[in-house]
PDB file of all heavy atoms in Angstrom:
ATOM      1  N   TRP A   1    -142.953 167.214 170.118  1.00  0.00           N
ATOM      2  CA  TRP A   1    -142.683 167.893 171.384  1.00  0.00           C
ATOM      3  C   TRP A   1    -142.132 166.705 172.293  1.00  0.00           C
ATOM      4  O   TRP A   1    -142.660 165.723 172.295  1.00  0.00           O
ATOM      5  CB  TRP A   1    -143.833 168.607 171.864  1.00  0.00           C
ATOM      6  CG  TRP A   1    -143.519 169.332 173.163  1.00  0.00           C
ATOM      7  CD1 TRP A   1    -143.631 168.852 174.505  1.00  0.00           C
ATOM      8  CD2 TRP A   1    -143.087 170.671 173.396  1.00  0.00           C
ATOM      9  NE1 TRP A   1    -143.204 169.867 175.425  1.00  0.00           N
ATOM     10  CE2 TRP A   1    -142.869 171.023 174.707  1.00  0.00           C
ATOM     11  CE3 TRP A   1    -142.700 171.752 172.501  1.00  0.00           C
ATOM     12  CZ2 TRP A   1    -142.433 172.154 175.319  1.00  0.00           C
ATOM     13  CZ3 TRP A   1    -142.206 172.931 172.886  1.00  0.00           C
ATOM     14  CH2 TRP A   1    -142.089 173.119 174.214  1.00  0.00           C
ATOM     15  N   ARG A   2    -141.278 167.093 173.220  1.00  0.00           N
ATOM     16  CA  ARG A   2    -140.667 166.079 174.089  1.00  0.00           C
ATOM     17  C   ARG A   2    -141.777 165.243 174.849  1.00  0.00           C
ATOM     18  O   ARG A   2    -142.605 165.803 175.391  1.00  0.00           O
ATOM     19  CB  ARG A   2    -139.728 166.723 175.096  1.00  0.00           C
ATOM     20  CG  ARG A   2    -139.033 165.797 175.943  1.00  0.00           C
ATOM     21  CD  ARG A   2    -137.602 166.165 176.443  1.00  0.00           C
ATOM     22  NE  ARG A   2    -137.622 167.467 176.916  1.00  0.00           N
ATOM     23  CZ  ARG A   2    -136.384 168.250 176.881  1.00  0.00           C
ATOM     24  NH1 ARG A   2    -135.414 167.717 176.446  1.00  0.00           N
ATOM     25  NH2 ARG A   2    -136.500 169.489 177.349  1.00  0.00           N
ATOM     26  N   TYR A   3    -141.544 163.951 174.760  1.00  0.00           N
ATOM     27  CA  TYR A   3    -142.505 162.961 175.317  1.00  0.00           C
ATOM     28  C   TYR A   3    -143.813 162.782 174.652  1.00  0.00           C
ATOM     29  O   TYR A   3    -144.597 161.911 175.132  1.00  0.00           O
ATOM     30  CB  TYR A   3    -142.703 163.260 176.793  1.00  0.00           C
ATOM     31  CG  TYR A   3    -141.475 163.490 177.641  1.00  0.00           C
ATOM     32  CD1 TYR A   3    -141.438 164.423 178.688  1.00  0.00           C
ATOM     33  CD2 TYR A   3    -140.184 162.734 177.388  1.00  0.00           C
ATOM     34  CE1 TYR A   3    -140.310 164.489 179.426  1.00  0.00           C
ATOM     35  CE2 TYR A   3    -139.095 163.004 177.984  1.00  0.00           C
ATOM     36  CZ  TYR A   3    -139.101 163.913 179.081  1.00  0.00           C
ATOM     37  OH  TYR A   3    -138.052 164.127 179.869  1.00  0.00           O
ATOM     38  N   ASP A   4    -144.029 163.414 173.486  1.00  0.00           N
ATOM     39  CA  ASP A   4    -145.195 163.018 172.661  1.00  0.00           C
ATOM     40  C   ASP A   4    -144.733 161.800 171.906  1.00  0.00           C
ATOM     41  O   ASP A   4    -143.666 161.271 171.961  1.00  0.00           O
ATOM     42  CB  ASP A   4    -145.966 164.131 171.848  1.00  0.00           C
ATOM     43  CG  ASP A   4    -144.964 164.549 170.659  1.00  0.00           C
ATOM     44  OD1 ASP A   4    -144.007 163.773 170.269  1.00  0.00           O
ATOM     45  OD2 ASP A   4    -145.243 165.589 170.165  1.00  0.00           O
ATOM     46  N   ASP A   5    -145.728 161.100 171.220  1.00  0.00           N
ATOM     47  CA  ASP A   5    -145.492 159.742 170.607  1.00  0.00           C
ATOM     48  C   ASP A   5    -144.442 160.043 169.449  1.00  0.00           C
ATOM     49  O   ASP A   5    -143.614 159.130 169.275  1.00  0.00           O
ATOM     50  CB  ASP A   5    -146.824 159.279 169.988  1.00  0.00           C
ATOM     51  CG  ASP A   5    -147.703 158.620 171.052  1.00  0.00           C
ATOM     52  OD1 ASP A   5    -147.291 158.720 172.293  1.00  0.00           O
ATOM     53  OD2 ASP A   5    -148.766 158.208 170.679  1.00  0.00           O
ATOM     54  N   GLU A   6    -144.487 161.008 168.831  1.00  0.00           N
ATOM     55  CA  GLU A   6    -143.576 161.168 167.603  1.00  0.00           C
ATOM     56  C   GLU A   6    -142.135 161.473 168.241  1.00  0.00           C
ATOM     57  O   GLU A   6    -141.113 160.859 167.686  1.00  0.00           O
ATOM     58  CB  GLU A   6    -143.965 162.410 166.821  1.00  0.00           C
ATOM     59  CG  GLU A   6    -143.060 162.648 165.627  1.00  0.00           C
ATOM     60  CD  GLU A   6    -143.540 163.789 164.737  1.00  0.00           C
ATOM     61  OE1 GLU A   6    -144.713 164.511 165.002  1.00  0.00           O
ATOM     62  OE2 GLU A   6    -142.793 164.119 163.823  1.00  0.00           O
ATOM     63  N   TRP A   7    -141.981 162.133 169.361  1.00  0.00           N
ATOM     64  CA  TRP A   7    -140.683 162.354 170.001  1.00  0.00           C
ATOM     65  C   TRP A   7    -140.254 161.011 170.464  1.00  0.00           C
ATOM     66  O   TRP A   7    -138.957 160.634 170.282  1.00  0.00           O
ATOM     67  CB  TRP A   7    -140.786 163.380 171.021  1.00  0.00           C
ATOM     68  CG  TRP A   7    -139.464 163.657 171.652  1.00  0.00           C
ATOM     69  CD1 TRP A   7    -138.741 164.930 171.327  1.00  0.00           C
ATOM     70  CD2 TRP A   7    -138.766 163.205 172.719  1.00  0.00           C
ATOM     71  NE1 TRP A   7    -137.471 164.975 172.089  1.00  0.00           N
ATOM     72  CE2 TRP A   7    -137.648 163.814 172.974  1.00  0.00           C
ATOM     73  CE3 TRP A   7    -138.994 161.977 173.521  1.00  0.00           C
ATOM     74  CZ2 TRP A   7    -136.557 163.502 173.955  1.00  0.00           C
ATOM     75  CZ3 TRP A   7    -138.053 161.616 174.366  1.00  0.00           C
ATOM     76  CH2 TRP A   7    -136.886 162.338 174.600  1.00  0.00           C
ATOM     77  N   PHE A   8    -141.015 160.231 171.164  1.00  0.00           N
ATOM     78  CA  PHE A   8    -140.661 158.902 171.623  1.00  0.00           C
ATOM     79  C   PHE A   8    -140.203 157.887 170.513  1.00  0.00           C
ATOM     80  O   PHE A   8    -139.442 157.137 170.699  1.00  0.00           O
ATOM     81  CB  PHE A   8    -141.616 158.378 172.477  1.00  0.00           C
ATOM     82  CG  PHE A   8    -141.512 158.625 174.008  1.00  0.00           C
ATOM     83  CD1 PHE A   8    -142.503 159.262 174.732  1.00  0.00           C
ATOM     84  CD2 PHE A   8    -140.285 158.295 174.688  1.00  0.00           C
ATOM     85  CE1 PHE A   8    -142.220 159.527 176.128  1.00  0.00           C
ATOM     86  CE2 PHE A   8    -140.120 158.505 176.033  1.00  0.00           C
ATOM     87  CZ  PHE A   8    -141.076 159.188 176.676  1.00  0.00           C
ATOM     88  N   SER A   9    -140.944 158.105 169.406  1.00  0.00           N
ATOM     89  CA  SER A   9    -140.508 157.181 168.222  1.00  0.00           C
ATOM     90  C   SER A   9    -139.086 157.524 167.860  1.00  0.00           C
ATOM     91  O   SER A   9    -138.345 156.573 167.562  1.00  0.00           O
ATOM     92  CB  SER A   9    -141.540 157.374 167.137  1.00  0.00           C
ATOM     93  OG  SER A   9    -142.801 156.961 167.425  1.00  0.00           O
ATOM     94  N   ALA A  10    -138.734 158.771 167.851  1.00  0.00           N
ATOM     95  CA  ALA A  10    -137.401 159.217 167.442  1.00  0.00           C
ATOM     96  C   ALA A  10    -136.514 158.670 168.492  1.00  0.00           C
ATOM     97  O   ALA A  10    -135.306 158.224 168.180  1.00  0.00           O
ATOM     98  CB  ALA A  10    -137.189 160.677 167.195  1.00  0.00           C
ATOM     99  N   PHE A  11    -136.807 158.903 169.747  1.00  0.00           N
ATOM    100  CA  PHE A  11    -135.964 158.378 170.824  1.00  0.00           C
ATOM    101  C   PHE A  11    -135.584 156.946 170.844  1.00  0.00           C
ATOM    102  O   PHE A  11    -134.512 156.421 170.870  1.00  0.00           O
ATOM    103  CB  PHE A  11    -136.717 158.734 172.218  1.00  0.00           C
ATOM    104  CG  PHE A  11    -136.026 158.274 173.424  1.00  0.00           C
ATOM    105  CD1 PHE A  11    -134.975 158.991 173.900  1.00  0.00           C
ATOM    106  CD2 PHE A  11    -136.393 157.040 174.073  1.00  0.00           C
ATOM    107  CE1 PHE A  11    -134.392 158.555 175.161  1.00  0.00           C
ATOM    108  CE2 PHE A  11    -135.742 156.669 175.188  1.00  0.00           C
ATOM    109  CZ  PHE A  11    -134.741 157.364 175.768  1.00  0.00           C
ATOM    110  N   MET A  12    -136.665 156.135 170.539  1.00  0.00           N
ATOM    111  CA  MET A  12    -136.500 154.704 170.511  1.00  0.00           C
ATOM    112  C   MET A  12    -135.601 154.324 169.286  1.00  0.00           C
ATOM    113  O   MET A  12    -134.788 153.416 169.289  1.00  0.00           O
ATOM    114  CB  MET A  12    -137.886 154.015 170.344  1.00  0.00           C
ATOM    115  CG  MET A  12    -138.671 154.099 171.648  1.00  0.00           C
ATOM    116  SD  MET A  12    -140.393 153.349 171.423  1.00  0.00           S
ATOM    117  CE  MET A  12    -141.225 154.037 172.651  1.00  0.00           C
ATOM    118  N   GLU A  13    -135.880 154.929 168.203  1.00  0.00           N
ATOM    119  CA  GLU A  13    -135.043 154.686 166.955  1.00  0.00           C
ATOM    120  C   GLU A  13    -133.615 154.865 167.217  1.00  0.00           C
ATOM    121  O   GLU A  13    -132.759 154.115 166.888  1.00  0.00           O
ATOM    122  CB  GLU A  13    -135.478 155.536 165.800  1.00  0.00           C
ATOM    123  CG  GLU A  13    -134.730 155.224 164.472  1.00  0.00           C
ATOM    124  CD  GLU A  13    -135.247 155.944 163.278  1.00  0.00           C
ATOM    125  OE1 GLU A  13    -136.119 156.904 163.500  1.00  0.00           O
ATOM    126  OE2 GLU A  13    -134.780 155.694 162.202  1.00  0.00           O
ATOM    127  N   ARG A  14    -133.316 156.085 167.899  1.00  0.00           N
ATOM    128  CA  ARG A  14    -131.775 156.448 168.151  1.00  0.00           C
ATOM    129  C   ARG A  14    -131.227 155.474 169.173  1.00  0.00           C
ATOM    130  O   ARG A  14    -130.120 155.014 169.041  1.00  0.00           O
ATOM    131  CB  ARG A  14    -131.706 157.838 168.482  1.00  0.00           C
ATOM    132  CG  ARG A  14    -132.191 158.711 167.379  1.00  0.00           C
ATOM    133  CD  ARG A  14    -131.829 160.140 167.688  1.00  0.00           C
ATOM    134  NE  ARG A  14    -132.327 161.100 166.658  1.00  0.00           N
ATOM    135  CZ  ARG A  14    -132.030 162.342 166.592  1.00  0.00           C
ATOM    136  NH1 ARG A  14    -131.072 162.886 167.340  1.00  0.00           N
ATOM    137  NH2 ARG A  14    -132.602 163.098 165.708  1.00  0.00           N
ATOM    138  N   VAL A  15    -132.066 155.090 170.176  1.00  0.00           N
ATOM    139  CA  VAL A  15    -131.558 154.082 171.241  1.00  0.00           C
ATOM    140  C   VAL A  15    -131.272 152.770 170.513  1.00  0.00           C
ATOM    141  O   VAL A  15    -130.210 152.198 170.813  1.00  0.00           O
ATOM    142  CB  VAL A  15    -132.576 154.106 172.398  1.00  0.00           C
ATOM    143  CG1 VAL A  15    -132.158 152.919 173.218  1.00  0.00           C
ATOM    144  CG2 VAL A  15    -132.670 155.384 173.196  1.00  0.00           C
ATOM    145  N   PHE A  16    -132.294 152.182 169.995  1.00  0.00           N
ATOM    146  CA  PHE A  16    -132.212 150.800 169.567  1.00  0.00           C
ATOM    147  C   PHE A  16    -131.471 150.605 168.234  1.00  0.00           C
ATOM    148  O   PHE A  16    -130.656 149.632 168.153  1.00  0.00           O
ATOM    149  CB  PHE A  16    -133.617 150.179 169.525  1.00  0.00           C
ATOM    150  CG  PHE A  16    -134.161 149.999 170.853  1.00  0.00           C
ATOM    151  CD1 PHE A  16    -135.242 150.708 171.314  1.00  0.00           C
ATOM    152  CD2 PHE A  16    -133.711 149.025 171.773  1.00  0.00           C
ATOM    153  CE1 PHE A  16    -135.850 150.567 172.558  1.00  0.00           C
ATOM    154  CE2 PHE A  16    -134.217 148.873 173.030  1.00  0.00           C
ATOM    155  CZ  PHE A  16    -135.250 149.584 173.388  1.00  0.00           C
ATOM    156  N   CYS A  17    -131.723 151.412 167.252  1.00  0.00           N
ATOM    157  CA  CYS A  17    -131.037 151.311 165.967  1.00  0.00           C
ATOM    158  C   CYS A  17    -129.727 151.932 165.917  1.00  0.00           C
ATOM    159  O   CYS A  17    -128.699 151.399 165.597  1.00  0.00           O
ATOM    160  CB  CYS A  17    -132.060 151.765 164.906  1.00  0.00           C
ATOM    161  SG  CYS A  17    -133.532 150.879 164.778  1.00  0.00           S
ATOM    162  N   GLY A  18    -129.622 153.348 166.384  1.00  0.00           N
ATOM    163  CA  GLY A  18    -128.526 154.018 166.361  1.00  0.00           C
ATOM    164  C   GLY A  18    -127.477 153.650 167.395  1.00  0.00           C
ATOM    165  O   GLY A  18    -126.349 153.546 167.009  1.00  0.00           O
ATOM    166  N   GLU A  19    -127.867 153.241 168.596  1.00  0.00           N
ATOM    167  CA  GLU A  19    -126.911 153.000 169.645  1.00  0.00           C
ATOM    168  C   GLU A  19    -126.674 151.466 169.825  1.00  0.00           C
ATOM    169  O   GLU A  19    -125.606 151.089 170.077  1.00  0.00           O
ATOM    170  CB  GLU A  19    -127.359 153.580 171.054  1.00  0.00           C
ATOM    171  CG  GLU A  19    -127.456 155.170 171.094  1.00  0.00           C
ATOM    172  CD  GLU A  19    -126.083 155.659 171.420  1.00  0.00           C
ATOM    173  OE1 GLU A  19    -125.203 155.022 171.865  1.00  0.00           O
ATOM    174  OE2 GLU A  19    -125.932 156.858 171.018  1.00  0.00           O
ATOM    175  N   LEU A  20    -127.702 150.669 169.653  1.00  0.00           N
ATOM    176  CA  LEU A  20    -127.730 149.352 170.014  1.00  0.00           C
ATOM    177  C   LEU A  20    -127.676 148.313 168.860  1.00  0.00           C
ATOM    178  O   LEU A  20    -127.500 147.082 169.088  1.00  0.00           O
ATOM    179  CB  LEU A  20    -128.789 148.936 171.009  1.00  0.00           C
ATOM    180  CG  LEU A  20    -128.742 149.792 172.340  1.00  0.00           C
ATOM    181  CD1 LEU A  20    -129.980 149.505 173.095  1.00  0.00           C
ATOM    182  CD2 LEU A  20    -127.512 149.565 173.057  1.00  0.00           C
ATOM    183  N   GLY A  21    -127.867 148.770 167.575  1.00  0.00           N
ATOM    184  CA  GLY A  21    -127.686 147.973 166.445  1.00  0.00           C
ATOM    185  C   GLY A  21    -128.995 147.190 166.110  1.00  0.00           C
ATOM    186  O   GLY A  21    -128.830 146.217 165.322  1.00  0.00           O
ATOM    187  N   LEU A  22    -130.132 147.617 166.589  1.00  0.00           N
ATOM    188  CA  LEU A  22    -131.202 146.806 166.146  1.00  0.00           C
ATOM    189  C   LEU A  22    -131.548 147.022 164.708  1.00  0.00           C
ATOM    190  O   LEU A  22    -131.604 148.229 164.270  1.00  0.00           O
ATOM    191  CB  LEU A  22    -132.549 147.222 167.061  1.00  0.00           C
ATOM    192  CG  LEU A  22    -133.839 146.664 166.799  1.00  0.00           C
ATOM    193  CD1 LEU A  22    -133.919 145.239 167.274  1.00  0.00           C
ATOM    194  CD2 LEU A  22    -135.030 147.468 167.320  1.00  0.00           C
ATOM    195  N   PRO A  23    -131.913 145.980 163.961  1.00  0.00           N
ATOM    196  CA  PRO A  23    -132.341 146.227 162.499  1.00  0.00           C
ATOM    197  C   PRO A  23    -133.599 147.144 162.487  1.00  0.00           C
ATOM    198  O   PRO A  23    -134.526 146.974 163.302  1.00  0.00           O
ATOM    199  CB  PRO A  23    -132.587 144.922 162.007  1.00  0.00           C
ATOM    200  CG  PRO A  23    -131.883 144.009 162.934  1.00  0.00           C
ATOM    201  CD  PRO A  23    -131.889 144.584 164.284  1.00  0.00           C
ATOM    202  N   GLU A  24    -133.669 148.045 161.529  1.00  0.00           N
ATOM    203  CA  GLU A  24    -134.841 148.981 161.548  1.00  0.00           C
ATOM    204  C   GLU A  24    -136.098 148.178 161.325  1.00  0.00           C
ATOM    205  O   GLU A  24    -137.220 148.667 161.762  1.00  0.00           O
ATOM    206  CB  GLU A  24    -134.686 149.984 160.322  1.00  0.00           C
ATOM    207  CG  GLU A  24    -133.576 151.004 160.652  1.00  0.00           C
ATOM    208  CD  GLU A  24    -133.500 152.092 159.715  1.00  0.00           C
ATOM    209  OE1 GLU A  24    -134.415 152.176 158.805  1.00  0.00           O
ATOM    210  OE2 GLU A  24    -132.511 152.965 159.671  1.00  0.00           O
ATOM    211  N   ARG A  25    -136.085 147.148 160.620  1.00  0.00           N
ATOM    212  CA  ARG A  25    -137.309 146.301 160.311  1.00  0.00           C
ATOM    213  C   ARG A  25    -137.927 145.784 161.642  1.00  0.00           C
ATOM    214  O   ARG A  25    -139.111 145.569 161.645  1.00  0.00           O
ATOM    215  CB  ARG A  25    -137.051 145.097 159.467  1.00  0.00           C
ATOM    216  CG  ARG A  25    -136.162 144.072 160.116  1.00  0.00           C
ATOM    217  CD  ARG A  25    -135.892 142.865 159.123  1.00  0.00           C
ATOM    218  NE  ARG A  25    -135.038 141.911 159.631  1.00  0.00           N
ATOM    219  CZ  ARG A  25    -133.752 141.981 159.638  1.00  0.00           C
ATOM    220  NH1 ARG A  25    -133.160 143.000 159.097  1.00  0.00           N
ATOM    221  NH2 ARG A  25    -132.956 140.913 160.219  1.00  0.00           N
ATOM    222  N   ALA A  26    -137.222 145.705 162.785  1.00  0.00           N
ATOM    223  CA  ALA A  26    -137.679 145.215 164.035  1.00  0.00           C
ATOM    224  C   ALA A  26    -138.261 146.333 164.901  1.00  0.00           C
ATOM    225  O   ALA A  26    -138.830 146.078 165.847  1.00  0.00           O
ATOM    226  CB  ALA A  26    -136.543 144.419 164.780  1.00  0.00           C
ATOM    227  N   LEU A  27    -137.980 147.577 164.579  1.00  0.00           N
ATOM    228  CA  LEU A  27    -138.410 148.754 165.358  1.00  0.00           C
ATOM    229  C   LEU A  27    -139.851 148.966 165.511  1.00  0.00           C
ATOM    230  O   LEU A  27    -140.335 149.139 166.586  1.00  0.00           O
ATOM    231  CB  LEU A  27    -137.750 149.988 164.736  1.00  0.00           C
ATOM    232  CG  LEU A  27    -137.974 151.250 165.645  1.00  0.00           C
ATOM    233  CD1 LEU A  27    -137.253 151.082 166.995  1.00  0.00           C
ATOM    234  CD2 LEU A  27    -137.410 152.488 164.918  1.00  0.00           C
ATOM    235  N   PRO A  28    -140.664 148.778 164.521  1.00  0.00           N
ATOM    236  CA  PRO A  28    -142.151 148.981 164.630  1.00  0.00           C
ATOM    237  C   PRO A  28    -142.677 148.111 165.791  1.00  0.00           C
ATOM    238  O   PRO A  28    -143.504 148.466 166.619  1.00  0.00           O
ATOM    239  CB  PRO A  28    -142.667 148.743 163.264  1.00  0.00           C
ATOM    240  CG  PRO A  28    -141.604 149.004 162.373  1.00  0.00           C
ATOM    241  CD  PRO A  28    -140.335 148.614 163.079  1.00  0.00           C
ATOM    242  N   ALA A  29    -142.376 146.822 165.821  1.00  0.00           N
ATOM    243  CA  ALA A  29    -142.898 145.864 166.763  1.00  0.00           C
ATOM    244  C   ALA A  29    -142.365 146.261 168.205  1.00  0.00           C
ATOM    245  O   ALA A  29    -143.143 146.242 169.189  1.00  0.00           O
ATOM    246  CB  ALA A  29    -142.496 144.461 166.433  1.00  0.00           C
ATOM    247  N   LEU A  30    -141.238 146.622 168.273  1.00  0.00           N
ATOM    248  CA  LEU A  30    -140.595 147.070 169.518  1.00  0.00           C
ATOM    249  C   LEU A  30    -141.232 148.284 170.026  1.00  0.00           C
ATOM    250  O   LEU A  30    -141.706 148.354 171.196  1.00  0.00           O
ATOM    251  CB  LEU A  30    -139.143 147.183 169.482  1.00  0.00           C
ATOM    252  CG  LEU A  30    -138.385 147.515 170.782  1.00  0.00           C
ATOM    253  CD1 LEU A  30    -136.871 146.995 170.664  1.00  0.00           C
ATOM    254  CD2 LEU A  30    -138.155 149.158 170.917  1.00  0.00           C
ATOM    255  N   ALA A  31    -141.402 149.295 169.249  1.00  0.00           N
ATOM    256  CA  ALA A  31    -141.973 150.485 169.639  1.00  0.00           C
ATOM    257  C   ALA A  31    -143.524 150.380 170.089  1.00  0.00           C
ATOM    258  O   ALA A  31    -143.857 150.991 171.045  1.00  0.00           O
ATOM    259  CB  ALA A  31    -141.832 151.598 168.511  1.00  0.00           C
ATOM    260  N   GLY A  32    -144.108 149.593 169.283  1.00  0.00           N
ATOM    261  CA  GLY A  32    -145.513 149.345 169.601  1.00  0.00           C
ATOM    262  C   GLY A  32    -145.702 148.698 170.974  1.00  0.00           C
ATOM    263  O   GLY A  32    -146.616 149.113 171.657  1.00  0.00           O
ATOM    264  N   ARG A  33    -144.809 147.694 171.274  1.00  0.00           N
ATOM    265  CA  ARG A  33    -144.891 147.042 172.603  1.00  0.00           C
ATOM    266  C   ARG A  33    -144.518 148.031 173.651  1.00  0.00           C
ATOM    267  O   ARG A  33    -145.238 148.046 174.761  1.00  0.00           O
ATOM    268  CB  ARG A  33    -143.822 145.950 172.628  1.00  0.00           C
ATOM    269  CG  ARG A  33    -143.725 145.169 173.963  1.00  0.00           C
ATOM    270  CD  ARG A  33    -144.951 144.607 174.372  1.00  0.00           C
ATOM    271  NE  ARG A  33    -144.702 143.857 175.633  1.00  0.00           N
ATOM    272  CZ  ARG A  33    -145.609 143.750 176.554  1.00  0.00           C
ATOM    273  NH1 ARG A  33    -146.762 144.375 176.341  1.00  0.00           N
ATOM    274  NH2 ARG A  33    -145.348 143.038 177.652  1.00  0.00           N
ATOM    275  N   LEU A  34    -143.562 148.911 173.482  1.00  0.00           N
ATOM    276  CA  LEU A  34    -143.108 149.886 174.452  1.00  0.00           C
ATOM    277  C   LEU A  34    -144.245 150.931 174.814  1.00  0.00           C
ATOM    278  O   LEU A  34    -144.529 151.327 175.976  1.00  0.00           O
ATOM    279  CB  LEU A  34    -141.855 150.529 174.229  1.00  0.00           C
ATOM    280  CG  LEU A  34    -140.566 149.745 174.489  1.00  0.00           C
ATOM    281  CD1 LEU A  34    -139.381 150.431 174.037  1.00  0.00           C
ATOM    282  CD2 LEU A  34    -140.412 149.491 175.947  1.00  0.00           C
ATOM    283  N   PHE A  35    -144.894 151.397 173.656  1.00  0.00           N
ATOM    284  CA  PHE A  35    -145.907 152.347 173.813  1.00  0.00           C
ATOM    285  C   PHE A  35    -147.049 151.637 174.718  1.00  0.00           C
ATOM    286  O   PHE A  35    -147.573 152.383 175.584  1.00  0.00           O
ATOM    287  CB  PHE A  35    -146.510 152.880 172.558  1.00  0.00           C
ATOM    288  CG  PHE A  35    -145.702 153.968 171.878  1.00  0.00           C
ATOM    289  CD1 PHE A  35    -145.208 153.843 170.547  1.00  0.00           C
ATOM    290  CD2 PHE A  35    -145.486 155.186 172.502  1.00  0.00           C
ATOM    291  CE1 PHE A  35    -144.382 154.832 170.066  1.00  0.00           C
ATOM    292  CE2 PHE A  35    -144.774 156.187 171.925  1.00  0.00           C
ATOM    293  CZ  PHE A  35    -144.220 156.025 170.685  1.00  0.00           C
TER     294      PHE A  35
END
């Protein structure tokens, strides 16, 4: 549901990997820091 942790995980993945080209391997560390 919008703004729960699972939704925000998808949001971050699409922003950083889909839009900005972040390697997927770097996403867990980034998402953990943002949360």
